[in-house]
PDB file of all heavy atoms in Angstrom:
ATOM      1  N   GLY A   1       0.826  -1.194   0.000  1.00  0.00           N
ATOM      2  CA  GLY A   1       0.000   0.000   0.000  1.00  0.00           C
ATOM      3  C   GLY A   1       0.863   1.247   0.000  1.00  0.00           C
ATOM      4  O   GLY A   1       1.707   1.413   0.872  1.00  0.00           O
ATOM      5  N   HIS A   2       0.678   2.096  -0.998  1.00  0.00           N
ATOM      6  CA  HIS A   2       1.436   3.334  -1.079  1.00  0.00           C
ATOM      7  C   HIS A   2       0.493   4.513  -0.864  1.00  0.00           C
ATOM      8  O   HIS A   2      -0.507   4.659  -1.568  1.00  0.00           O
ATOM      9  CB  HIS A   2       2.130   3.461  -2.443  1.00  0.00           C
ATOM     10  CG  HIS A   2       3.226   2.465  -2.627  1.00  0.00           C
ATOM     11  ND1 HIS A   2       3.881   2.288  -3.837  1.00  0.00           N
ATOM     12  CD2 HIS A   2       3.789   1.591  -1.766  1.00  0.00           C
ATOM     13  CE1 HIS A   2       4.798   1.351  -3.694  1.00  0.00           C
ATOM     14  NE2 HIS A   2       4.760   0.909  -2.450  1.00  0.00           N
ATOM     15  N   THR A   3       0.791   5.326   0.122  1.00  0.00           N
ATOM     16  CA  THR A   3      -0.062   6.455   0.476  1.00  0.00           C
ATOM     17  C   THR A   3       0.573   7.754   0.006  1.00  0.00           C
ATOM     18  O   THR A   3       1.737   8.013   0.285  1.00  0.00           O
ATOM     19  CB  THR A   3      -0.284   6.515   1.991  1.00  0.00           C
ATOM     20  OG1 THR A   3      -0.849   5.275   2.426  1.00  0.00           O
ATOM     21  CG2 THR A   3      -1.229   7.649   2.355  1.00  0.00           C
ATOM     22  N   LEU A   4      -0.196   8.573  -0.700  1.00  0.00           N
ATOM     23  CA  LEU A   4       0.262   9.877  -1.168  1.00  0.00           C
ATOM     24  C   LEU A   4      -0.693  10.953  -0.685  1.00  0.00           C
ATOM     25  O   LEU A   4      -1.903  10.729  -0.592  1.00  0.00           O
ATOM     26  CB  LEU A   4       0.311   9.926  -2.704  1.00  0.00           C
ATOM     27  CG  LEU A   4       1.167   8.881  -3.426  1.00  0.00           C
ATOM     28  CD1 LEU A   4       1.008   9.048  -4.932  1.00  0.00           C
ATOM     29  CD2 LEU A   4       2.613   9.030  -3.037  1.00  0.00           C
ATOM     30  N   VAL A   5      -0.137  12.120  -0.379  1.00  0.00           N
ATOM     31  CA  VAL A   5      -0.951  13.286  -0.059  1.00  0.00           C
ATOM     32  C   VAL A   5      -0.603  14.365  -1.070  1.00  0.00           C
ATOM     33  O   VAL A   5       0.514  14.877  -1.101  1.00  0.00           O
ATOM     34  CB  VAL A   5      -0.686  13.797   1.371  1.00  0.00           C
ATOM     35  CG1 VAL A   5      -1.528  15.040   1.649  1.00  0.00           C
ATOM     36  CG2 VAL A   5      -0.994  12.706   2.392  1.00  0.00           C
ATOM     37  N   VAL A   6      -1.552  14.697  -1.933  1.00  0.00           N
ATOM     38  CA  VAL A   6      -1.334  15.671  -3.002  1.00  0.00           C
ATOM     39  C   VAL A   6      -2.444  16.716  -2.945  1.00  0.00           C
ATOM     40  O   VAL A   6      -3.628  16.374  -3.018  1.00  0.00           O
ATOM     41  CB  VAL A   6      -1.313  14.992  -4.391  1.00  0.00           C
ATOM     42  CG1 VAL A   6      -1.086  16.023  -5.487  1.00  0.00           C
ATOM     43  CG2 VAL A   6      -0.226  13.920  -4.440  1.00  0.00           C
ATOM     44  N   ASP A   7      -2.043  17.965  -2.780  1.00  0.00           N
ATOM     45  CA  ASP A   7      -3.014  19.065  -2.691  1.00  0.00           C
ATOM     46  C   ASP A   7      -4.054  18.796  -1.604  1.00  0.00           C
ATOM     47  O   ASP A   7      -5.251  19.083  -1.770  1.00  0.00           O
ATOM     48  CB  ASP A   7      -3.711  19.289  -4.044  1.00  0.00           C
ATOM     49  CG  ASP A   7      -2.733  19.722  -5.131  1.00  0.00           C
ATOM     50  OD1 ASP A   7      -1.731  20.381  -4.795  1.00  0.00           O
ATOM     51  OD2 ASP A   7      -2.966  19.371  -6.302  1.00  0.00           O
ATOM     52  N   GLY A   8      -3.596  18.232  -0.501  1.00  0.00           N
ATOM     53  CA  GLY A   8      -4.480  17.967   0.625  1.00  0.00           C
ATOM     54  C   GLY A   8      -5.338  16.720   0.478  1.00  0.00           C
ATOM     55  O   GLY A   8      -6.060  16.356   1.405  1.00  0.00           O
ATOM     56  N   LYS A   9      -5.263  16.022  -0.678  1.00  0.00           N
ATOM     57  CA  LYS A   9      -6.045  14.814  -0.894  1.00  0.00           C
ATOM     58  C   LYS A   9      -5.162  13.590  -0.695  1.00  0.00           C
ATOM     59  O   LYS A   9      -4.017  13.560  -1.124  1.00  0.00           O
ATOM     60  CB  LYS A   9      -6.628  14.787  -2.318  1.00  0.00           C
ATOM     61  CG  LYS A   9      -7.653  15.860  -2.608  1.00  0.00           C
ATOM     62  CD  LYS A   9      -8.192  15.717  -4.029  1.00  0.00           C
ATOM     63  CE  LYS A   9      -9.216  16.788  -4.356  1.00  0.00           C
ATOM     64  NZ  LYS A   9      -9.722  16.667  -5.760  1.00  0.00           N
ATOM     65  N   GLN A  10      -5.698  12.590  -0.018  1.00  0.00           N
ATOM     66  CA  GLN A  10      -4.961  11.356   0.207  1.00  0.00           C
ATOM     67  C   GLN A  10      -5.338  10.306  -0.828  1.00  0.00           C
ATOM     68  O   GLN A  10      -6.502  10.075  -1.118  1.00  0.00           O
ATOM     69  CB  GLN A  10      -5.238  10.808   1.611  1.00  0.00           C
ATOM     70  CG  GLN A  10      -4.401   9.579   1.957  1.00  0.00           C
ATOM     71  CD  GLN A  10      -4.709   9.025   3.325  1.00  0.00           C
ATOM     72  OE1 GLN A  10      -5.731   8.352   3.519  1.00  0.00           O
ATOM     73  NE2 GLN A  10      -3.850   9.302   4.288  1.00  0.00           N
ATOM     74  N   TYR A  11      -4.321   9.673  -1.392  1.00  0.00           N
ATOM     75  CA  TYR A  11      -4.515   8.596  -2.356  1.00  0.00           C
ATOM     76  C   TYR A  11      -3.771   7.369  -1.834  1.00  0.00           C
ATOM     77  O   TYR A  11      -2.621   7.472  -1.404  1.00  0.00           O
ATOM     78  CB  TYR A  11      -3.957   8.959  -3.729  1.00  0.00           C
ATOM     79  CG  TYR A  11      -4.595  10.164  -4.385  1.00  0.00           C
ATOM     80  CD1 TYR A  11      -4.144  11.450  -4.102  1.00  0.00           C
ATOM     81  CD2 TYR A  11      -5.638  10.017  -5.298  1.00  0.00           C
ATOM     82  CE1 TYR A  11      -4.722  12.558  -4.705  1.00  0.00           C
ATOM     83  CE2 TYR A  11      -6.215  11.123  -5.912  1.00  0.00           C
ATOM     84  CZ  TYR A  11      -5.756  12.388  -5.615  1.00  0.00           C
ATOM     85  OH  TYR A  11      -6.328  13.486  -6.215  1.00  0.00           O
ATOM     86  N   ILE A  12      -4.418   6.206  -1.868  1.00  0.00           N
ATOM     87  CA  ILE A  12      -3.772   4.957  -1.480  1.00  0.00           C
ATOM     88  C   ILE A  12      -3.848   3.995  -2.650  1.00  0.00           C
ATOM     89  O   ILE A  12      -4.926   3.684  -3.150  1.00  0.00           O
ATOM     90  CB  ILE A  12      -4.441   4.338  -0.243  1.00  0.00           C
ATOM     91  CG1 ILE A  12      -4.318   5.280   0.963  1.00  0.00           C
ATOM     92  CG2 ILE A  12      -3.786   2.990   0.091  1.00  0.00           C
ATOM     93  CD1 ILE A  12      -4.996   4.763   2.217  1.00  0.00           C
ATOM     94  N   PHE A  13      -2.669   3.554  -3.109  1.00  0.00           N
ATOM     95  CA  PHE A  13      -2.595   2.630  -4.226  1.00  0.00           C
ATOM     96  C   PHE A  13      -2.074   1.281  -3.750  1.00  0.00           C
ATOM     97  O   PHE A  13      -1.134   1.204  -2.967  1.00  0.00           O
ATOM     98  CB  PHE A  13      -1.660   3.171  -5.318  1.00  0.00           C
ATOM     99  CG  PHE A  13      -2.114   4.465  -5.926  1.00  0.00           C
ATOM    100  CD1 PHE A  13      -1.474   5.659  -5.630  1.00  0.00           C
ATOM    101  CD2 PHE A  13      -3.198   4.491  -6.787  1.00  0.00           C
ATOM    102  CE1 PHE A  13      -1.891   6.852  -6.185  1.00  0.00           C
ATOM    103  CE2 PHE A  13      -3.632   5.683  -7.342  1.00  0.00           C
ATOM    104  CZ  PHE A  13      -2.981   6.869  -7.038  1.00  0.00           C
ATOM    105  N   HIS A  14      -2.677   0.209  -4.255  1.00  0.00           N
ATOM    106  CA  HIS A  14      -2.245  -1.139  -3.911  1.00  0.00           C
ATOM    107  C   HIS A  14      -1.667  -1.870  -5.119  1.00  0.00           C
ATOM    108  O   HIS A  14      -0.838  -2.769  -4.948  1.00  0.00           O
ATOM    109  CB  HIS A  14      -3.408  -1.939  -3.330  1.00  0.00           C
ATOM    110  CG  HIS A  14      -3.953  -1.351  -2.057  1.00  0.00           C
ATOM    111  ND1 HIS A  14      -3.296  -1.475  -0.845  1.00  0.00           N
ATOM    112  CD2 HIS A  14      -5.058  -0.620  -1.802  1.00  0.00           C
ATOM    113  CE1 HIS A  14      -3.994  -0.856   0.098  1.00  0.00           C
ATOM    114  NE2 HIS A  14      -5.059  -0.334  -0.463  1.00  0.00           N
ATOM    115  N   ILE A  15      -2.092  -1.533  -6.308  1.00  0.00           N
ATOM    116  CA  ILE A  15      -1.599  -2.200  -7.516  1.00  0.00           C
ATOM    117  C   ILE A  15      -1.109  -1.189  -8.550  1.00  0.00           C
ATOM    118  O   ILE A  15      -0.003  -1.316  -9.076  1.00  0.00           O
ATOM    119  CB  ILE A  15      -2.694  -3.090  -8.153  1.00  0.00           C
ATOM    120  CG1 ILE A  15      -3.165  -4.158  -7.148  1.00  0.00           C
ATOM    121  CG2 ILE A  15      -2.143  -3.767  -9.406  1.00  0.00           C
ATOM    122  CD1 ILE A  15      -4.251  -5.037  -7.675  1.00  0.00           C
ATOM    123  N   ILE A  16      -1.915  -0.191  -8.846  1.00  0.00           N
ATOM    124  CA  ILE A  16      -1.536   0.784  -9.871  1.00  0.00           C
ATOM    125  C   ILE A  16      -0.311   1.575  -9.409  1.00  0.00           C
ATOM    126  O   ILE A  16      -0.254   2.024  -8.268  1.00  0.00           O
ATOM    127  CB  ILE A  16      -2.707   1.748 -10.155  1.00  0.00           C
ATOM    128  CG1 ILE A  16      -3.900   0.978 -10.725  1.00  0.00           C
ATOM    129  CG2 ILE A  16      -2.291   2.839 -11.127  1.00  0.00           C
ATOM    130  CD1 ILE A  16      -5.109   1.837 -10.988  1.00  0.00           C
ATOM    131  N   PRO A  17       0.683   1.761 -10.266  1.00  0.00           N
ATOM    132  CA  PRO A  17       1.848   2.569  -9.897  1.00  0.00           C
ATOM    133  C   PRO A  17       1.441   3.976  -9.476  1.00  0.00           C
ATOM    134  O   PRO A  17       0.488   4.560 -10.011  1.00  0.00           O
ATOM    135  CB  PRO A  17       2.679   2.595 -11.194  1.00  0.00           C
ATOM    136  CG  PRO A  17       2.291   1.349 -11.904  1.00  0.00           C
ATOM    137  CD  PRO A  17       0.829   1.156 -11.608  1.00  0.00           C
ATOM    138  N   SER A  18       2.188   4.519  -8.512  1.00  0.00           N
ATOM    139  CA  SER A  18       1.857   5.837  -7.967  1.00  0.00           C
ATOM    140  C   SER A  18       1.904   6.935  -9.029  1.00  0.00           C
ATOM    141  O   SER A  18       1.261   7.982  -8.873  1.00  0.00           O
ATOM    142  CB  SER A  18       2.832   6.185  -6.831  1.00  0.00           C
ATOM    143  OG  SER A  18       2.859   5.163  -5.869  1.00  0.00           O
ATOM    144  N   GLY A  19       2.663   6.703 -10.081  1.00  0.00           N
ATOM    145  CA  GLY A  19       2.793   7.711 -11.128  1.00  0.00           C
ATOM    146  C   GLY A  19       1.524   7.998 -11.898  1.00  0.00           C
ATOM    147  O   GLY A  19       1.487   8.923 -12.721  1.00  0.00           O
ATOM    148  N   ILE A  20       0.459   7.241 -11.606  1.00  0.00           N
ATOM    149  CA  ILE A  20      -0.787   7.429 -12.345  1.00  0.00           C
ATOM    150  C   ILE A  20      -1.388   8.812 -12.096  1.00  0.00           C
ATOM    151  O   ILE A  20      -2.223   9.287 -12.888  1.00  0.00           O
ATOM    152  CB  ILE A  20      -1.804   6.329 -11.969  1.00  0.00           C
ATOM    153  CG1 ILE A  20      -2.875   6.166 -13.060  1.00  0.00           C
ATOM    154  CG2 ILE A  20      -2.420   6.608 -10.614  1.00  0.00           C
ATOM    155  CD1 ILE A  20      -2.363   5.572 -14.327  1.00  0.00           C
ATOM    156  N   LEU A  21      -0.964   9.496 -11.022  1.00  0.00           N
ATOM    157  CA  LEU A  21      -1.508  10.829 -10.731  1.00  0.00           C
ATOM    158  C   LEU A  21      -1.033  11.871 -11.734  1.00  0.00           C
ATOM    159  O   LEU A  21      -1.593  12.965 -11.796  1.00  0.00           O
ATOM    160  CB  LEU A  21      -1.124  11.250  -9.310  1.00  0.00           C
ATOM    161  CG  LEU A  21      -1.709  10.404  -8.182  1.00  0.00           C
ATOM    162  CD1 LEU A  21      -1.275  10.940  -6.833  1.00  0.00           C
ATOM    163  CD2 LEU A  21      -3.235  10.365  -8.263  1.00  0.00           C
ATOM    164  N   TYR A  22       0.010  11.539 -12.507  1.00  0.00           N
ATOM    165  CA  TYR A  22       0.478  12.438 -13.564  1.00  0.00           C
ATOM    166  C   TYR A  22      -0.177  12.033 -14.886  1.00  0.00           C
ATOM    167  O   TYR A  22       0.006  10.913 -15.366  1.00  0.00           O
ATOM    168  CB  TYR A  22       2.002  12.361 -13.711  1.00  0.00           C
ATOM    169  CG  TYR A  22       2.778  13.015 -12.602  1.00  0.00           C
ATOM    170  CD1 TYR A  22       3.020  12.348 -11.410  1.00  0.00           C
ATOM    171  CD2 TYR A  22       3.297  14.300 -12.750  1.00  0.00           C
ATOM    172  CE1 TYR A  22       3.745  12.943 -10.383  1.00  0.00           C
ATOM    173  CE2 TYR A  22       4.025  14.902 -11.732  1.00  0.00           C
ATOM    174  CZ  TYR A  22       4.250  14.218 -10.554  1.00  0.00           C
ATOM    175  OH  TYR A  22       4.973  14.798  -9.555  1.00  0.00           O
ATOM    176  N   GLN A  23      -0.908  12.946 -15.493  1.00  0.00           N
ATOM    177  CA  GLN A  23      -1.670  12.616 -16.691  1.00  0.00           C
ATOM    178  C   GLN A  23      -0.791  12.350 -17.921  1.00  0.00           C
ATOM    179  O   GLN A  23      -1.245  11.736 -18.885  1.00  0.00           O
ATOM    180  CB  GLN A  23      -2.652  13.759 -17.008  1.00  0.00           C
ATOM    181  CG  GLN A  23      -3.745  13.950 -15.974  1.00  0.00           C
ATOM    182  CD  GLN A  23      -4.807  12.865 -16.015  1.00  0.00           C
ATOM    183  OE1 GLN A  23      -4.930  12.154 -16.994  1.00  0.00           O
ATOM    184  NE2 GLN A  23      -5.567  12.727 -14.937  1.00  0.00           N
ATOM    185  N   ASP A  24       0.458  12.819 -17.898  1.00  0.00           N
ATOM    186  CA  ASP A  24       1.310  12.665 -19.077  1.00  0.00           C
ATOM    187  C   ASP A  24       2.304  11.514 -18.949  1.00  0.00           C
ATOM    188  O   ASP A  24       3.247  11.415 -19.733  1.00  0.00           O
ATOM    189  CB  ASP A  24       2.079  13.966 -19.345  1.00  0.00           C
ATOM    190  CG  ASP A  24       2.945  14.385 -18.165  1.00  0.00           C
ATOM    191  OD1 ASP A  24       2.668  13.946 -17.041  1.00  0.00           O
ATOM    192  OD2 ASP A  24       3.900  15.151 -18.382  1.00  0.00           O
TER     193      ASP A  24
END
C-alpha cells in the first residue's frame, strides 16, 4: 500500500503505480 498526499487529498494505491496521478 502506497499512500500519497497531493493538494491535501490522500490517495492509497495497492496495484496501480503511484505515477498514475500524472496525466502525461
